[in-house]
């Protein structure tokens, strides 16, 4: 019987492969990194939906309509944070195909 460490390592590798094979999720992660926002994250649906789709043989981004990007912006008011994110997205045209909707959330 394989050790727990080996099984966990294989699961992490599989998860990484699924995430990297999901173009829309990779686009969101690239956008988040390029925005240079501290303490950001995407919500869990961005990860579990592609995994579920993989397990059921569907296209990895099947059923995903949007991605939620959160940021712990303690130093910004929500309206200012939202305008910064939207301005950066427009200026850089990071979602040029229009198929991925990214919404920012402040989790103060």
N, C-alpha and C. Protein backbone atom coordinates (compact mmCIF):
# COMPACT_ATOMS: atom_id res chain seq x y z
N UNK A 1 0.85 -1.19 0.00
CA UNK A 1 0.00 0.00 0.00
C UNK A 1 0.89 1.25 0.00
N UNK A 2 0.62 2.21 -0.90
CA UNK A 2 1.46 3.40 -0.96
C UNK A 2 1.31 4.25 0.29
N UNK A 3 2.36 4.96 0.61
CA UNK A 3 2.32 5.82 1.79
C UNK A 3 1.42 7.02 1.53
N UNK A 4 0.99 7.64 2.60
CA UNK A 4 0.15 8.82 2.50
C UNK A 4 0.89 9.94 1.76
N UNK A 5 2.19 10.08 2.02
CA UNK A 5 2.98 11.12 1.38
C UNK A 5 3.00 10.95 -0.14
N UNK A 6 3.14 9.70 -0.60
CA UNK A 6 3.15 9.44 -2.04
C UNK A 6 1.79 9.77 -2.64
N UNK A 7 0.73 9.31 -2.00
CA UNK A 7 -0.61 9.57 -2.52
C UNK A 7 -0.89 11.07 -2.55
N UNK A 8 -0.49 11.79 -1.51
CA UNK A 8 -0.70 13.23 -1.47
C UNK A 8 0.11 13.92 -2.56
N UNK A 9 1.31 13.46 -2.78
CA UNK A 9 2.16 14.04 -3.83
C UNK A 9 1.53 13.84 -5.20
N UNK A 10 1.00 12.67 -5.45
CA UNK A 10 0.34 12.38 -6.73
C UNK A 10 -0.91 13.24 -6.91
N UNK A 11 -1.66 13.43 -5.84
CA UNK A 11 -2.86 14.27 -5.91
C UNK A 11 -2.50 15.73 -6.21
N UNK A 12 -1.45 16.20 -5.56
CA UNK A 12 -1.01 17.58 -5.82
C UNK A 12 -0.57 17.73 -7.28
N UNK A 13 0.14 16.76 -7.78
CA UNK A 13 0.59 16.80 -9.17
C UNK A 13 -0.62 16.81 -10.11
N UNK A 14 -1.59 15.94 -9.86
CA UNK A 14 -2.80 15.87 -10.69
C UNK A 14 -3.56 17.19 -10.65
N UNK A 15 -3.69 17.76 -9.46
CA UNK A 15 -4.39 19.04 -9.32
C UNK A 15 -3.67 20.13 -10.12
N UNK A 16 -2.36 20.16 -10.00
CA UNK A 16 -1.57 21.15 -10.73
C UNK A 16 -1.77 20.99 -12.24
N UNK A 17 -1.78 19.77 -12.72
CA UNK A 17 -1.97 19.51 -14.16
C UNK A 17 -3.35 19.96 -14.63
N UNK A 18 -4.38 19.70 -13.81
CA UNK A 18 -5.74 20.11 -14.18
C UNK A 18 -5.84 21.63 -14.23
N UNK A 19 -5.29 22.29 -13.22
CA UNK A 19 -5.33 23.76 -13.18
C UNK A 19 -4.59 24.34 -14.38
N UNK A 20 -3.41 23.84 -14.67
CA UNK A 20 -2.61 24.35 -15.78
C UNK A 20 -3.26 24.07 -17.14
N UNK A 21 -4.10 23.06 -17.20
CA UNK A 21 -4.76 22.71 -18.47
C UNK A 21 -6.08 23.46 -18.67
N UNK A 22 -6.46 24.31 -17.73
CA UNK A 22 -7.70 25.08 -17.82
C UNK A 22 -7.35 26.50 -18.25
N UNK A 23 -7.47 26.80 -19.56
CA UNK A 23 -7.01 28.10 -20.08
C UNK A 23 -7.64 29.30 -19.39
N UNK A 24 -8.94 29.26 -19.15
CA UNK A 24 -9.58 30.42 -18.54
C UNK A 24 -9.09 30.65 -17.11
N UNK A 25 -8.87 29.59 -16.36
CA UNK A 25 -8.35 29.73 -15.00
C UNK A 25 -6.91 30.26 -15.03
N UNK A 26 -6.11 29.77 -15.95
CA UNK A 26 -4.74 30.27 -16.06
C UNK A 26 -4.74 31.75 -16.44
N UNK A 27 -5.70 32.16 -17.27
CA UNK A 27 -5.80 33.57 -17.63
C UNK A 27 -6.11 34.40 -16.39
N UNK A 28 -7.04 33.93 -15.57
CA UNK A 28 -7.40 34.64 -14.34
C UNK A 28 -6.19 34.73 -13.41
N UNK A 29 -5.47 33.64 -13.25
CA UNK A 29 -4.30 33.65 -12.38
C UNK A 29 -3.23 34.60 -12.91
N UNK A 30 -3.07 34.66 -14.22
CA UNK A 30 -2.12 35.60 -14.82
C UNK A 30 -2.55 37.04 -14.59
N UNK A 31 -3.84 37.30 -14.75
CA UNK A 31 -4.37 38.64 -14.49
C UNK A 31 -4.10 39.03 -13.05
N UNK A 32 -4.41 38.14 -12.14
CA UNK A 32 -4.23 38.44 -10.72
C UNK A 32 -2.76 38.76 -10.41
N UNK A 33 -1.86 37.99 -10.97
CA UNK A 33 -0.45 38.25 -10.72
C UNK A 33 -0.02 39.60 -11.31
N UNK A 34 -0.48 39.90 -12.53
CA UNK A 34 -0.09 41.15 -13.17
C UNK A 34 -0.68 42.38 -12.51
N UNK A 35 -1.78 42.23 -11.78
CA UNK A 35 -2.37 43.36 -11.08
C UNK A 35 -1.54 43.76 -9.86
N UNK A 36 -0.65 42.88 -9.43
CA UNK A 36 0.25 43.15 -8.30
C UNK A 36 -0.51 43.53 -7.02
N UNK A 37 -1.61 42.87 -6.77
CA UNK A 37 -2.37 43.11 -5.55
C UNK A 37 -1.86 42.17 -4.46
N UNK A 38 -1.59 42.70 -3.29
CA UNK A 38 -1.15 41.81 -2.21
C UNK A 38 -2.32 40.99 -1.66
N UNK A 39 -2.04 39.81 -1.19
CA UNK A 39 -3.02 38.96 -0.50
C UNK A 39 -4.26 38.64 -1.33
N UNK A 40 -4.07 38.27 -2.59
CA UNK A 40 -5.21 37.95 -3.44
C UNK A 40 -5.43 36.44 -3.46
N UNK A 41 -6.62 36.05 -3.87
CA UNK A 41 -6.95 34.64 -4.05
C UNK A 41 -8.13 34.52 -4.98
N UNK A 42 -8.26 33.36 -5.62
CA UNK A 42 -9.48 33.05 -6.36
C UNK A 42 -10.29 32.11 -5.50
N UNK A 43 -11.60 32.20 -5.62
CA UNK A 43 -12.45 31.36 -4.78
C UNK A 43 -12.43 29.90 -5.26
N UNK A 44 -12.81 29.03 -4.38
CA UNK A 44 -12.65 27.58 -4.58
C UNK A 44 -13.32 27.03 -5.82
N UNK A 45 -14.44 27.60 -6.25
CA UNK A 45 -15.11 27.10 -7.45
C UNK A 45 -14.22 27.12 -8.67
N UNK A 46 -13.26 28.04 -8.68
CA UNK A 46 -12.32 28.15 -9.79
C UNK A 46 -11.45 26.91 -9.91
N UNK A 47 -11.30 26.19 -8.81
CA UNK A 47 -10.47 24.99 -8.80
C UNK A 47 -11.32 23.72 -8.80
N UNK A 48 -12.35 23.67 -7.95
CA UNK A 48 -13.08 22.40 -7.87
C UNK A 48 -13.92 22.10 -9.11
N UNK A 49 -14.41 23.15 -9.81
CA UNK A 49 -15.20 22.87 -11.01
C UNK A 49 -14.37 22.20 -12.11
N UNK A 50 -13.16 22.70 -12.42
CA UNK A 50 -12.34 21.98 -13.41
C UNK A 50 -11.99 20.55 -12.97
N UNK A 51 -11.77 20.35 -11.68
CA UNK A 51 -11.47 18.99 -11.20
C UNK A 51 -12.69 18.09 -11.41
N UNK A 52 -13.86 18.57 -11.03
CA UNK A 52 -15.09 17.80 -11.24
C UNK A 52 -15.30 17.53 -12.72
N UNK A 53 -15.07 18.53 -13.55
CA UNK A 53 -15.22 18.35 -15.00
C UNK A 53 -14.24 17.31 -15.52
N UNK A 54 -13.01 17.34 -15.03
CA UNK A 54 -12.01 16.35 -15.43
C UNK A 54 -12.47 14.93 -15.06
N UNK A 55 -12.98 14.79 -13.85
CA UNK A 55 -13.41 13.47 -13.38
C UNK A 55 -14.63 12.94 -14.13
N UNK A 56 -15.45 13.85 -14.68
CA UNK A 56 -16.66 13.43 -15.39
C UNK A 56 -16.51 13.51 -16.90
N UNK A 57 -15.30 13.82 -17.39
CA UNK A 57 -15.05 13.81 -18.81
C UNK A 57 -15.56 15.01 -19.59
N UNK A 58 -15.88 16.08 -18.89
CA UNK A 58 -16.33 17.30 -19.56
C UNK A 58 -15.14 18.21 -19.86
N UNK A 59 -15.34 19.19 -20.74
CA UNK A 59 -14.29 20.19 -20.93
C UNK A 59 -13.99 20.86 -19.59
N UNK A 60 -12.74 21.18 -19.33
CA UNK A 60 -12.35 21.64 -18.00
C UNK A 60 -13.05 22.92 -17.56
N UNK A 61 -13.40 23.80 -18.50
CA UNK A 61 -14.07 25.03 -18.10
C UNK A 61 -15.59 24.98 -18.30
N UNK A 62 -16.13 23.79 -18.47
CA UNK A 62 -17.57 23.60 -18.63
C UNK A 62 -18.31 24.13 -17.40
N UNK A 63 -19.34 24.93 -17.63
CA UNK A 63 -20.19 25.41 -16.56
C UNK A 63 -19.64 26.58 -15.76
N UNK A 64 -18.45 27.05 -16.10
CA UNK A 64 -17.87 28.18 -15.38
C UNK A 64 -18.25 29.47 -16.10
N UNK A 65 -18.98 30.32 -15.39
CA UNK A 65 -19.43 31.57 -16.00
C UNK A 65 -18.56 32.75 -15.57
N UNK A 66 -17.95 32.66 -14.41
CA UNK A 66 -17.11 33.75 -13.94
C UNK A 66 -16.13 33.24 -12.89
N UNK A 67 -15.19 34.08 -12.56
CA UNK A 67 -14.21 33.78 -11.51
C UNK A 67 -14.25 34.93 -10.51
N UNK A 68 -14.21 34.61 -9.26
CA UNK A 68 -14.18 35.63 -8.23
C UNK A 68 -12.77 35.78 -7.71
N UNK A 69 -12.27 36.98 -7.77
CA UNK A 69 -10.94 37.32 -7.28
C UNK A 69 -11.11 38.14 -6.02
N UNK A 70 -10.55 37.68 -4.92
CA UNK A 70 -10.66 38.40 -3.65
C UNK A 70 -9.32 39.03 -3.32
N UNK A 71 -9.42 40.10 -2.56
CA UNK A 71 -8.21 40.81 -2.14
C UNK A 71 -8.46 41.40 -0.76
N UNK A 72 -7.54 41.23 0.12
CA UNK A 72 -7.65 41.77 1.47
C UNK A 72 -7.04 43.17 1.47
N UNK A 73 -7.83 44.12 1.02
CA UNK A 73 -7.35 45.51 0.84
C UNK A 73 -7.76 46.34 2.05
N UNK A 74 -7.11 46.11 3.16
CA UNK A 74 -7.47 46.83 4.38
C UNK A 74 -7.26 48.33 4.24
N UNK A 75 -6.34 48.72 3.40
CA UNK A 75 -5.96 50.12 3.27
C UNK A 75 -6.77 50.87 2.21
N UNK A 76 -7.64 50.19 1.49
CA UNK A 76 -8.43 50.83 0.45
C UNK A 76 -9.91 50.75 0.76
N UNK A 77 -10.65 51.77 0.39
CA UNK A 77 -12.10 51.66 0.44
C UNK A 77 -12.53 50.82 -0.74
N UNK A 78 -13.65 50.12 -0.61
CA UNK A 78 -14.09 49.17 -1.63
C UNK A 78 -14.22 49.83 -3.00
N UNK A 79 -14.85 50.98 -3.09
CA UNK A 79 -15.06 51.60 -4.40
C UNK A 79 -13.73 51.95 -5.06
N UNK A 80 -12.76 52.36 -4.27
CA UNK A 80 -11.45 52.68 -4.85
C UNK A 80 -10.78 51.40 -5.35
N UNK A 81 -10.83 50.32 -4.55
CA UNK A 81 -10.24 49.05 -4.96
C UNK A 81 -10.87 48.56 -6.26
N UNK A 82 -12.20 48.60 -6.33
CA UNK A 82 -12.91 48.13 -7.51
C UNK A 82 -12.51 48.93 -8.74
N UNK A 83 -12.39 50.24 -8.60
CA UNK A 83 -12.02 51.05 -9.76
C UNK A 83 -10.58 50.80 -10.18
N UNK A 84 -9.68 50.54 -9.24
CA UNK A 84 -8.30 50.23 -9.57
C UNK A 84 -8.22 48.94 -10.39
N UNK A 85 -8.91 47.91 -9.92
CA UNK A 85 -8.90 46.63 -10.63
C UNK A 85 -9.50 46.78 -12.02
N UNK A 86 -10.66 47.41 -12.11
CA UNK A 86 -11.31 47.57 -13.41
C UNK A 86 -10.44 48.39 -14.36
N UNK A 87 -9.84 49.44 -13.87
CA UNK A 87 -8.97 50.29 -14.71
C UNK A 87 -7.78 49.49 -15.23
N UNK A 88 -7.16 48.71 -14.35
CA UNK A 88 -6.01 47.92 -14.78
C UNK A 88 -6.42 46.86 -15.80
N UNK A 89 -7.57 46.25 -15.59
CA UNK A 89 -8.05 45.23 -16.54
C UNK A 89 -8.31 45.86 -17.89
N UNK A 90 -8.97 47.02 -17.91
CA UNK A 90 -9.26 47.69 -19.19
C UNK A 90 -7.97 48.13 -19.86
N UNK A 91 -7.08 48.76 -19.10
CA UNK A 91 -5.86 49.30 -19.68
C UNK A 91 -5.01 48.20 -20.29
N UNK A 92 -4.91 47.11 -19.63
CA UNK A 92 -4.05 46.02 -20.12
C UNK A 92 -4.79 45.06 -21.03
N UNK A 93 -6.11 45.22 -21.13
CA UNK A 93 -6.93 44.34 -21.95
C UNK A 93 -6.59 42.88 -21.67
N UNK A 94 -6.64 42.54 -20.39
CA UNK A 94 -6.21 41.21 -19.97
C UNK A 94 -7.28 40.14 -20.22
N UNK A 95 -8.49 40.56 -20.47
CA UNK A 95 -9.54 39.60 -20.78
C UNK A 95 -10.08 39.89 -22.17
N UNK A 96 -9.19 39.89 -23.14
CA UNK A 96 -9.52 40.34 -24.49
C UNK A 96 -10.59 39.51 -25.19
N UNK A 97 -10.74 38.23 -24.85
CA UNK A 97 -11.73 37.44 -25.56
C UNK A 97 -13.13 37.64 -25.01
N UNK A 98 -13.26 38.27 -23.86
CA UNK A 98 -14.57 38.57 -23.28
C UNK A 98 -15.29 37.36 -22.72
N UNK A 99 -14.67 36.19 -22.72
CA UNK A 99 -15.33 34.99 -22.23
C UNK A 99 -15.16 34.76 -20.74
N UNK A 100 -14.28 35.51 -20.11
CA UNK A 100 -14.04 35.33 -18.69
C UNK A 100 -14.40 36.61 -17.96
N UNK A 101 -15.28 36.48 -17.00
CA UNK A 101 -15.65 37.63 -16.19
C UNK A 101 -14.90 37.52 -14.87
N UNK A 102 -14.23 38.60 -14.48
CA UNK A 102 -13.51 38.61 -13.22
C UNK A 102 -14.11 39.69 -12.36
N UNK A 103 -14.52 39.33 -11.16
CA UNK A 103 -15.06 40.34 -10.25
C UNK A 103 -14.19 40.38 -9.01
N UNK A 104 -13.93 41.58 -8.54
CA UNK A 104 -13.11 41.75 -7.35
C UNK A 104 -13.97 41.79 -6.10
N UNK A 105 -13.42 41.29 -5.00
CA UNK A 105 -14.12 41.35 -3.72
C UNK A 105 -13.14 41.75 -2.65
N UNK A 106 -13.60 42.61 -1.78
CA UNK A 106 -12.81 43.03 -0.65
C UNK A 106 -13.31 42.25 0.56
N UNK A 107 -12.43 41.52 1.22
CA UNK A 107 -12.85 40.66 2.33
C UNK A 107 -12.47 41.24 3.68
N UNK A 108 -12.67 42.51 3.84
CA UNK A 108 -12.35 43.11 5.14
C UNK A 108 -13.27 42.60 6.18
